[in-house]
Protein backbone atom coordinates (compact mmCIF):
# COMPACT_ATOMS: atom_id res chain seq x y z
CA MET A 1 104.85 185.02 87.78
CA THR A 2 103.34 187.17 85.05
CA SER A 3 100.91 190.03 85.35
CA GLY A 4 97.25 189.85 84.46
CA PRO A 5 94.82 192.68 83.74
CA GLY A 6 95.21 195.69 85.97
CA GLY A 7 98.77 194.79 86.91
CA ARG A 8 97.78 192.03 89.34
CA ALA A 9 99.69 188.78 89.65
CA SER A 10 98.08 185.79 87.98
CA VAL A 11 98.83 182.10 88.22
CA ARG A 12 100.89 181.22 85.18
CA PRO A 13 103.44 178.46 84.49
CA ALA A 14 106.08 180.73 86.04
CA SER A 15 104.34 180.42 89.43
CA TRP A 16 105.18 176.74 89.85
CA PRO A 17 106.63 177.38 93.33
CA LEU A 18 103.12 178.25 94.54
CA VAL A 19 101.71 175.12 92.88
CA VAL A 20 104.35 172.95 94.54
CA VAL A 21 103.68 174.51 97.94
CA LEU A 22 99.93 173.87 97.62
CA LEU A 23 100.51 170.29 96.51
CA VAL A 24 102.85 169.63 99.45
CA LEU A 25 100.44 171.21 101.93
CA GLY A 26 97.55 169.17 100.56
CA THR A 27 99.59 165.98 100.79
CA LEU A 28 100.61 166.78 104.36
CA HIS A 29 97.00 167.51 105.33
CA TRP A 30 95.61 164.19 104.09
CA ALA A 31 98.55 162.19 105.43
CA LEU A 32 97.96 163.61 108.92
CA PHE A 33 94.19 163.29 108.49
CA LEU A 34 94.42 159.55 107.74
CA GLY A 35 97.28 158.90 110.14
CA VAL A 36 100.97 158.21 109.66
CA PRO A 37 101.17 155.41 108.70
CA PRO A 38 97.51 155.28 107.59
CA ARG A 39 95.33 152.84 109.48
CA LEU A 40 91.67 152.68 108.47
CA PRO A 41 89.29 151.82 111.33
CA ARG A 42 88.13 148.21 111.39
CA SER A 43 84.93 149.23 113.16
CA GLY A 44 82.92 152.41 113.38
CA VAL A 45 80.22 153.81 111.12
CA ASP A 46 80.82 152.87 107.44
CA TRP A 47 84.44 151.72 107.54
CA PRO A 48 83.75 147.95 107.79
CA LYS A 49 81.59 148.12 104.66
CA GLU A 50 84.23 150.14 102.81
CA LEU A 51 86.95 147.69 103.79
CA ARG A 52 84.90 144.93 102.22
CA TYR A 53 84.67 146.89 99.00
CA TYR A 54 88.43 147.32 98.88
CA ALA A 55 89.09 143.71 99.84
CA ILE A 56 87.05 142.57 96.83
CA LEU A 57 88.82 145.04 94.55
CA LYS A 58 92.23 143.91 95.81
CA GLN A 59 91.37 140.28 95.09
CA ALA A 60 89.97 141.21 91.67
CA VAL A 61 93.09 143.09 90.48
CA GLY A 62 95.42 140.57 92.12
CA GLU A 63 93.80 137.54 90.48
CA GLY A 64 92.58 139.20 87.31
CA ARG A 65 88.93 138.28 88.04
CA ILE A 66 85.73 140.18 87.38
CA PRO A 67 83.98 140.47 90.76
CA TYR A 68 80.43 139.68 89.70
CA PHE A 69 79.52 138.05 93.03
CA THR A 70 80.86 138.01 96.58
CA ALA A 71 80.66 135.22 99.14
CA LEU A 72 79.19 137.57 101.75
CA ALA A 73 76.28 139.94 101.26
CA ILE A 74 77.32 143.56 101.64
CA LEU A 75 75.04 145.83 103.63
CA LEU A 76 74.74 149.03 101.60
CA SER A 77 73.12 151.06 104.35
CA PRO A 78 72.36 150.57 108.04
CA PRO A 79 69.01 149.06 109.02
CA ASP A 80 66.42 151.80 109.08
CA ALA A 81 62.91 151.71 110.44
CA THR A 82 61.67 153.93 107.62
CA ALA A 83 63.32 151.93 104.87
CA LYS A 84 61.33 149.46 102.86
CA ALA A 85 64.21 147.02 102.74
CA GLY A 86 67.82 146.76 103.82
CA GLN A 87 69.84 146.74 100.62
CA GLU A 88 72.04 143.69 100.97
CA THR A 89 73.54 142.23 97.84
CA ARG A 90 76.25 139.84 96.72
CA LYS A 91 76.17 141.34 93.22
CA PHE A 92 79.21 143.54 93.60
CA LEU A 93 79.11 145.38 90.27
CA ALA A 94 75.52 146.45 90.95
CA ILE A 95 76.81 148.69 93.75
CA PRO A 96 77.41 152.17 92.27
CA GLU A 97 79.40 153.23 95.38
CA THR A 98 82.55 151.23 94.64
CA VAL A 99 85.75 152.68 93.21
CA VAL A 100 86.45 151.25 89.76
CA SER A 101 88.70 153.95 88.31
CA PRO A 102 92.15 153.04 86.93
CA GLN A 103 94.03 153.72 90.17
CA ILE A 104 92.62 150.52 91.72
CA ILE A 105 95.41 148.68 89.88
CA LEU A 106 97.66 149.95 92.72
CA LEU A 107 95.89 147.51 95.05
CA ARG A 108 97.96 144.84 93.36
CA TRP A 109 101.01 146.14 95.25
CA LEU A 110 99.63 148.21 98.15
CA ASN A 111 97.65 147.16 101.19
CA ILE A 112 94.22 148.72 101.57
CA ASP A 113 95.31 151.35 104.10
CA ALA A 114 98.21 152.61 101.97
CA PHE A 115 96.09 152.48 98.82
CA PHE A 116 93.40 154.66 100.32
CA LEU A 117 95.95 157.35 101.18
CA VAL A 118 97.39 157.25 97.65
CA HIS A 119 93.86 157.27 96.21
CA ILE A 120 92.97 160.44 98.13
CA LEU A 121 96.26 162.10 97.25
CA ILE A 122 95.64 161.47 93.55
CA LEU A 123 92.16 162.97 93.82
CA GLN A 124 93.27 166.00 95.85
CA ALA A 125 95.91 166.65 93.18
CA ALA A 126 93.10 166.56 90.62
CA ALA A 127 91.17 169.08 92.75
CA LEU A 128 94.21 171.37 92.85
CA ALA A 129 94.58 171.07 89.07
CA GLY A 130 90.92 172.04 88.71
CA CYS A 131 91.41 175.09 90.93
CA LEU A 132 94.47 176.08 88.88
CA ALA A 133 92.42 175.75 85.69
CA LEU A 134 89.78 178.03 87.22
CA GLY A 135 92.57 180.41 88.24
CA ARG A 136 93.90 180.52 84.68
CA ARG A 137 90.45 181.01 83.17
CA TYR A 138 89.62 183.98 85.40
CA ASP A 139 93.20 185.18 85.90
CA LEU A 140 92.86 184.90 89.67
CA SER A 141 95.55 186.41 91.86
CA PRO A 142 97.34 184.09 94.35
CA PRO A 143 95.25 184.96 97.45
CA SER A 144 91.97 184.42 95.57
CA LEU A 145 93.23 181.15 94.14
CA VAL A 146 94.50 179.84 97.49
CA LEU A 147 91.25 180.78 99.25
CA LEU A 148 89.24 178.99 96.57
CA TRP A 149 91.49 175.92 96.92
CA LEU A 150 91.02 175.87 100.69
CA ILE A 151 87.23 176.14 100.52
CA LEU A 152 86.79 173.57 97.75
CA GLY A 153 89.38 171.07 98.96
CA PHE A 154 89.19 171.07 102.76
CA ASN A 155 85.70 172.12 103.82
CA GLY A 156 83.82 170.32 106.58
CA HIS A 157 81.66 168.36 104.16
CA ILE A 158 84.46 166.37 102.56
CA THR A 159 86.58 165.95 105.70
CA SER A 160 83.73 164.74 107.91
CA HIS A 161 82.39 162.34 105.28
CA LEU A 162 85.81 160.84 104.64
CA GLY A 163 86.46 160.66 108.36
CA ILE A 164 83.46 158.45 109.10
CA GLY A 165 84.06 156.11 106.18
CA HIS A 166 82.29 157.56 103.17
CA SER A 167 85.25 156.78 100.96
CA MET A 168 82.91 156.83 97.97
CA TRP A 169 82.92 160.63 98.35
CA GLY A 170 86.28 160.82 96.54
CA GLY A 171 84.64 162.00 93.33
CA TYR A 172 83.82 165.24 95.12
CA PHE A 173 87.43 166.30 94.40
CA LEU A 174 86.49 166.55 90.72
CA PHE A 175 83.91 169.27 91.45
CA PRO A 176 86.33 172.10 90.49
CA TRP A 177 86.42 170.59 86.99
CA PHE A 178 82.64 170.35 86.90
CA PHE A 179 82.35 174.01 87.91
CA LEU A 180 84.91 175.01 85.28
CA LEU A 181 83.09 173.17 82.50
CA VAL A 182 79.64 174.36 83.50
CA LEU A 183 80.94 177.93 83.39
CA GLN A 184 82.43 177.24 79.98
CA LEU A 185 79.12 175.75 78.88
CA VAL A 186 77.23 178.96 79.64
CA GLU A 187 79.92 181.53 78.87
CA GLN A 188 81.17 180.09 75.58
CA PRO A 189 78.20 178.84 73.55
CA THR A 190 80.55 178.19 70.61
CA ALA A 191 82.97 175.99 72.59
CA PRO A 192 82.13 172.61 71.00
CA LYS A 193 84.01 170.40 73.46
CA ALA A 194 82.32 171.61 76.64
CA PRO A 195 79.28 169.23 76.61
CA LEU A 196 81.51 166.23 75.94
CA ALA A 197 83.94 167.32 78.67
CA VAL A 198 81.07 167.68 81.17
CA GLY A 199 79.98 164.11 80.40
CA ALA A 200 83.54 162.83 80.82
CA VAL A 201 83.97 164.54 84.20
CA LEU A 202 80.64 163.21 85.51
CA ALA A 203 81.56 159.72 84.33
CA ALA A 204 84.89 160.08 86.14
CA ILE A 205 83.05 161.13 89.32
CA LEU A 206 80.95 157.96 89.09
CA LEU A 207 84.11 155.89 88.58
CA GLN A 208 85.16 156.98 92.08
CA GLY A 209 81.96 155.43 93.47
CA SER A 210 80.56 158.91 94.10
CA PHE A 211 76.97 158.11 93.21
CA HIS A 212 75.43 160.85 95.37
CA PRO A 213 77.71 163.69 94.14
CA PHE A 214 76.99 162.44 90.62
CA VAL A 215 73.24 162.77 91.24
CA TRP A 216 73.65 166.33 92.56
CA CYS A 217 75.45 167.31 89.36
CA ILE A 218 72.67 165.77 87.26
CA LEU A 219 70.11 167.73 89.27
CA PHE A 220 72.09 170.92 88.71
CA LEU A 221 72.25 170.33 84.94
CA LEU A 222 68.50 169.68 84.78
CA LEU A 223 67.87 172.96 86.57
CA LEU A 224 70.33 174.69 84.24
CA TRP A 225 68.31 173.33 81.32
CA VAL A 226 65.25 175.06 82.79
CA SER A 227 66.98 178.43 83.16
CA GLY A 228 69.45 178.21 80.29
CA ARG A 229 67.68 179.67 77.29
CA GLY A 230 70.09 179.49 74.38
CA ILE A 231 72.15 176.62 75.79
CA ARG A 232 69.48 173.98 76.35
CA TRP A 233 70.67 171.80 73.51
CA ARG A 234 74.21 171.96 74.91
CA VAL A 235 72.95 170.91 78.34
CA LEU A 236 71.04 168.01 76.78
CA GLU A 237 74.17 167.04 74.86
CA ALA A 238 76.16 167.02 78.12
CA LEU A 239 73.50 164.81 79.75
CA GLY A 240 73.54 162.51 76.72
CA TRP A 241 77.32 162.03 76.88
CA THR A 242 77.04 161.45 80.63
CA ALA A 243 74.39 158.76 80.17
CA GLY A 244 76.36 156.94 77.50
CA LEU A 245 79.67 156.99 79.38
CA ALA A 246 78.05 155.99 82.70
CA LEU A 247 75.74 153.22 81.45
CA TRP A 248 77.95 150.43 82.76
CA ARG A 249 77.71 151.81 86.30
CA LEU A 250 74.01 152.67 86.30
CA VAL A 251 72.31 149.83 84.42
CA PRO A 252 73.40 146.94 86.71
CA ALA A 253 72.41 149.02 89.76
CA ALA A 254 68.99 149.64 88.23
CA VAL A 255 68.51 145.96 87.38
CA VAL A 256 69.35 144.74 90.89
CA LEU A 257 68.58 147.49 93.39
CA LEU A 258 65.50 149.16 91.94
CA ARG A 259 63.65 145.86 92.21
CA ARG A 260 63.89 146.18 96.00
CA GLY A 261 62.23 149.57 96.28
CA GLN A 262 63.85 152.77 97.46
CA GLN A 263 64.42 153.94 100.98
CA GLY A 264 62.26 156.76 102.30
CA PHE A 265 63.37 160.37 102.44
CA GLU A 266 65.00 161.35 105.72
CA THR A 267 65.77 165.03 106.11
CA GLY A 268 67.46 168.18 104.96
CA TYR A 269 68.74 170.86 107.31
CA PRO A 270 66.13 170.83 110.12
CA SER A 271 66.33 174.62 110.57
CA LEU A 272 68.19 177.68 109.38
CA THR A 273 70.02 177.63 112.72
CA ASP A 274 71.37 174.18 111.88
CA LEU A 275 72.35 175.44 108.43
CA ALA A 276 74.27 178.37 109.91
CA GLY A 277 75.90 176.08 112.47
CA ALA A 278 76.96 173.70 109.71
CA LEU A 279 78.92 176.51 108.07
CA ILE A 280 80.56 178.16 111.08
CA SER A 281 80.56 175.70 114.03
CA ILE A 282 82.95 172.82 114.67
CA HIS A 283 81.28 169.80 116.24
CA ASP A 284 82.73 166.32 116.59
CA VAL A 285 81.17 162.94 115.92
CA ARG A 286 79.46 162.92 119.34
CA PHE A 287 77.28 165.94 118.61
CA PRO A 288 73.58 165.17 119.24
CA LEU A 289 71.55 163.73 116.38
CA ARG A 290 69.60 166.18 114.25
CA GLY A 291 66.49 166.05 112.09
CA THR A 292 65.17 162.50 111.85
CA GLY A 293 68.06 161.15 113.89
CA GLN A 294 70.99 161.88 111.58
CA SER A 295 74.54 162.38 112.78
CA TRP A 296 76.33 165.69 112.38
CA TRP A 297 78.45 164.60 109.43
CA GLU A 298 75.29 164.62 107.31
CA PHE A 299 75.01 168.36 107.90
CA ASP A 300 78.61 169.52 108.29
CA ALA A 301 79.64 172.04 105.61
CA TYR A 302 82.15 173.99 107.70
CA ILE A 303 84.14 176.80 106.06
CA GLY A 304 84.46 179.15 109.06
CA MET A 305 82.97 182.55 109.86
CA THR A 306 85.62 184.55 107.97
CA ALA A 307 85.25 182.55 104.77
CA LEU A 308 81.46 182.68 105.08
CA LEU A 309 81.48 186.47 105.32
CA TRP A 310 83.76 186.61 102.26
CA LEU A 311 81.47 184.20 100.42
CA MET A 312 78.30 186.12 101.28
CA ALA A 313 79.78 189.52 100.44
CA PHE A 314 81.34 188.68 97.10
CA GLY A 315 78.76 186.08 96.18
CA TRP A 316 76.15 188.80 96.51
CA VAL A 317 78.33 191.19 94.50
CA PHE A 318 78.43 188.65 91.68
CA ILE A 319 74.71 187.82 91.77
CA SER A 320 73.61 191.46 91.97
CA ARG A 321 75.95 192.80 89.29
CA GLU A 322 76.40 189.94 86.85
CA ARG A 323 74.37 190.44 83.70
CA GLY A 324 76.37 188.19 81.40
CA PRO A 325 75.80 184.53 80.48
CA ALA A 326 76.99 183.32 83.91
CA HIS A 327 73.81 184.79 85.38
CA LEU A 328 72.08 181.67 84.06
CA LEU A 329 73.73 179.79 86.94
CA VAL A 330 71.92 181.75 89.64
CA PHE A 331 68.65 179.80 89.28
CA PRO A 332 70.10 176.26 89.60
CA LEU A 333 72.47 177.49 92.32
CA ALA A 334 69.60 178.93 94.37
CA VAL A 335 67.26 175.97 93.87
CA THR A 336 69.83 173.34 94.86
CA ALA A 337 70.67 175.37 97.98
CA ILE A 338 66.97 175.67 98.89
CA LEU A 339 66.35 171.95 98.34
CA SER A 340 68.94 171.18 101.04
CA VAL A 341 66.71 172.70 103.74
CA ASP A 342 64.11 170.78 105.77
CA GLY A 343 61.89 168.46 103.72
CA LEU A 344 61.76 170.51 100.52
CA TYR A 345 63.43 167.69 98.58
CA ARG A 346 60.76 165.22 99.70
CA ALA A 347 58.63 165.66 96.57
CA LEU A 348 61.56 164.68 94.34
CA SER A 349 62.28 161.69 96.56
CA PHE A 350 58.68 160.50 96.46
CA SER A 351 58.54 161.00 92.69
CA ARG A 352 60.77 157.93 92.28
CA LEU A 353 62.43 159.65 89.34
CA PRO A 354 65.57 157.80 88.21
CA LEU A 355 68.62 158.97 90.16
CA LEU A 356 66.87 161.97 91.76
CA GLY A 357 64.61 159.71 93.81
CA ALA A 358 67.61 158.03 95.41
CA GLU A 359 68.53 160.97 97.64
CA ARG A 360 67.44 160.48 101.25
CA ILE A 361 69.41 163.25 102.99
CA SER A 362 69.20 166.46 101.02
CA SER A 363 71.45 168.48 103.35
CA ARG A 364 74.38 166.88 101.54
CA ILE A 365 73.47 168.73 98.34
CA LEU A 366 74.41 172.12 99.82
CA ILE A 367 78.10 171.58 99.10
CA LEU A 368 77.54 171.85 95.34
CA PRO A 369 75.98 175.34 95.27
CA LEU A 370 78.34 176.37 98.08
CA GLY A 371 81.35 175.35 96.00
CA LEU A 372 80.11 177.01 92.83
CA LEU A 373 79.29 180.18 94.76
CA ALA A 374 82.89 180.16 96.04
CA VAL A 375 84.12 180.15 92.43
CA LEU A 376 81.86 183.06 91.52
CA ALA A 377 82.82 184.94 94.70
CA ALA A 378 86.51 184.46 93.88
CA THR A 379 86.05 186.18 90.52
CA ALA A 380 84.17 189.06 92.16
CA SER A 381 86.68 189.52 95.00
CA ASP A 382 89.51 189.49 92.49
CA LYS A 383 87.92 192.40 90.61
CA TRP A 384 87.60 194.20 93.95
CA GLN A 385 91.25 193.54 94.76
CA ARG A 386 92.34 194.85 91.36
CA GLN A 387 91.21 198.34 92.34
CA ALA A 388 93.87 198.51 95.08
CA PRO A 389 96.15 195.50 94.55
CA ARG A 390 98.56 195.98 97.44
CA ARG A 391 96.23 196.99 100.30
CA ARG A 392 93.33 194.74 99.35
CA GLY A 393 95.69 191.89 98.48
CA TRP A 394 96.93 191.86 102.07
CA ALA A 395 93.32 191.85 103.29
CA LEU A 396 92.61 188.76 101.18
CA TRP A 397 95.75 187.06 102.47
CA GLY A 398 94.40 187.68 105.98
CA VAL A 399 91.18 185.87 105.04
CA VAL A 400 93.29 183.04 103.63
CA ALA A 401 95.31 182.69 106.84
CA ILE A 402 92.29 182.69 109.17
CA THR A 403 90.42 180.21 106.94
CA ALA A 404 93.41 177.89 106.73
CA VAL A 405 93.75 177.75 110.53
CA SER A 406 90.04 177.19 111.12
CA LEU A 407 89.84 174.43 108.49
CA ALA A 408 92.94 172.78 110.01
CA VAL A 409 91.21 172.69 113.41
CA HIS A 410 88.12 171.15 111.85
CA SER A 411 90.22 168.56 110.03
CA TYR A 412 91.91 167.56 113.28
CA VAL A 413 88.52 167.03 114.95
CA TRP A 414 87.42 164.69 112.12
CA SER A 415 90.80 163.03 111.49
CA LEU A 416 90.97 159.24 111.77
CA PRO A 417 93.42 159.24 114.70
CA ASN A 418 91.00 161.44 116.66
CA LEU A 419 87.85 159.64 115.49
CA SER A 420 89.30 156.28 116.48
CA ARG A 421 88.86 157.41 120.08
CA LEU A 422 85.36 158.80 119.59
CA MET A 423 83.69 156.89 116.79
CA PRO A 424 80.43 155.10 117.61
CA SER A 425 80.05 151.40 117.06
CA SER A 426 79.19 150.39 113.52
CA PRO A 427 75.78 149.21 112.34
CA HIS A 428 77.62 146.91 109.96
CA LEU A 429 79.29 143.61 110.73
CA HIS A 430 82.81 144.19 112.02
CA ASN A 431 84.41 141.23 110.24
CA PRO A 432 85.62 142.47 106.84
CA THR A 433 86.47 138.97 105.57
CA ILE A 434 84.95 138.60 102.11
CA ALA A 435 85.86 137.00 98.79
CA ILE A 436 84.82 136.79 95.15
CA THR A 437 82.66 133.78 94.43
CA GLY A 438 80.44 132.31 91.75
CA SER A 439 76.72 132.83 91.17
CA THR A 440 74.51 133.07 94.24
CA GLY A 441 72.18 130.56 92.65
CA THR A 442 69.13 132.78 92.22
CA GLY A 443 68.75 131.80 88.58
CA THR A 444 67.15 134.33 86.25
CA LEU A 445 68.13 137.43 88.25
CA ASP A 446 71.77 136.30 88.36
CA SER A 447 71.82 135.85 84.61
CA LEU A 448 70.04 139.15 84.01
CA TYR A 449 72.51 140.94 86.28
CA VAL A 450 75.58 139.49 84.54
CA LEU A 451 74.07 140.26 81.14
CA SER A 452 73.35 143.85 82.24
CA VAL A 453 76.98 144.29 83.28
CA GLN A 454 78.34 142.91 80.02
CA VAL A 455 75.96 144.70 77.65
CA SER A 456 76.16 148.07 79.43
CA ALA A 457 79.97 147.84 79.56
CA LEU A 458 80.05 147.14 75.82
CA LEU A 459 77.76 150.09 75.11
CA SER A 460 79.80 152.43 77.32
CA ALA A 461 82.99 151.25 75.60
CA MET A 462 81.43 152.07 72.22
CA VAL A 463 80.34 155.51 73.47
CA THR A 464 83.87 156.08 74.81
CA GLY A 465 85.27 155.28 71.37
CA VAL A 466 82.85 157.71 69.74
CA ALA A 467 83.72 160.35 72.36
CA ILE A 468 87.46 160.01 71.65
CA TRP A 469 86.82 160.25 67.91
CA ARG A 470 84.60 163.29 68.43
CA TRP A 471 87.15 165.01 70.67
CA ARG A 472 89.98 164.47 68.19
CA ARG A 473 87.85 165.72 65.34
CA LEU A 474 86.94 168.88 67.27
CA SER A 475 90.60 169.37 68.17
CA ARG A 476 91.51 169.44 64.46
CA ARG A 477 88.78 171.96 63.64
CA PRO A 478 90.33 175.34 62.77
CA ARG A 479 89.61 177.98 65.41
CA VAL A 480 87.77 181.09 64.38
CA ALA A 481 89.97 184.16 64.75
CA GLY A 482 89.44 185.86 68.08
CA SER A 483 87.43 183.00 69.58
CA ALA A 484 88.19 181.59 73.01
CA PRO A 485 89.72 178.12 73.26
CA SER A 486 87.27 175.32 73.88
């Protein structure tokens, strides 16, 4: 372990023992969370629908078939009195909430339960790598790094959503990379690769089926464009790369699902009391419905009282004292947090704007500004620790220990073994039997859907080729003396 500025310890290649420990602890957490051996629920909330997704993917990789259509219509969301239409479809590739990233090839050899565990372990390793990259960029000391890793990787939002069957939330684990690249976008205006890298990360998030987290990131970038004088062209470039790389996931969904109308807006946090409770209170799946009748997992963002006090204190230190380029992030951070409360997002929902109009439950959005604020707070608390490394370092380790214990308790409450005893009956059909089939026989729409898949995939492949060429060309560009790496 080498020393950073001020004599503090920083995470360098020599600190691999810490990296290994964090990787092992993360693996142990998710193995216990999903059960040993893992056994995904066959009924309860969204699990039956998710099992159908994975059954189709397993057949597709096993038989080498493109799953254009399924023999059984998949219910994308539970029946809702406020919805214009229940979104049932047999057009599998029009569903943006399915995992289509390279790791699905493992379904050829693994059963669905084992695959899901491996899938989550791969993504949590990516989250750890993102936290380490943030640690290297800001020369974070071990306690600051570990606290950031705990908050970003094991908060109540991701554990409760995965617990009830929102397996499409896996792309959330790539948020540390999104935060890293957004910071690079604003702090290094001459870093030419940053916009392309942002587009690649957002495309990777969508590959995990994480449509909603993808939309939150797009919203954040649009708000950054508003506040980011001097970097607006770079933000537009990032959005352009994102659009090109994600076409093959978005176009078929637009062709099929937008024709049916969008579901009405539901709710954000009903009150500031609910918002505070979401951050510091542990409730299980039986907690009374909130807002317009939504279950607690739609509000859960638990990090614990100790971590919240740390976040508020050092987040405020950053916001009040930062006068550099990173101050541009304060506006989008604040607006996304505000939009998660009550019905403030309703206007965007009613606008029917592409992507942004698809959000029905805005309380989910809070996790993005919360995560970014944790990154900014980690940099501020590390500067504070540098002033008295030994004494204040022990204080930070105390925050780490208390946060780790409280997050472990929350994870147990939302773990699959525990939820299997408490989970409510599912609004979806319990029988996961499903198979790839031919056209559903609806004529023109079938043909238009297949054509949209093929053309958008070709366009995204071409954009990917251009992106690789562009990246390699930028990598060969000589670096200006004294400039930061891109």
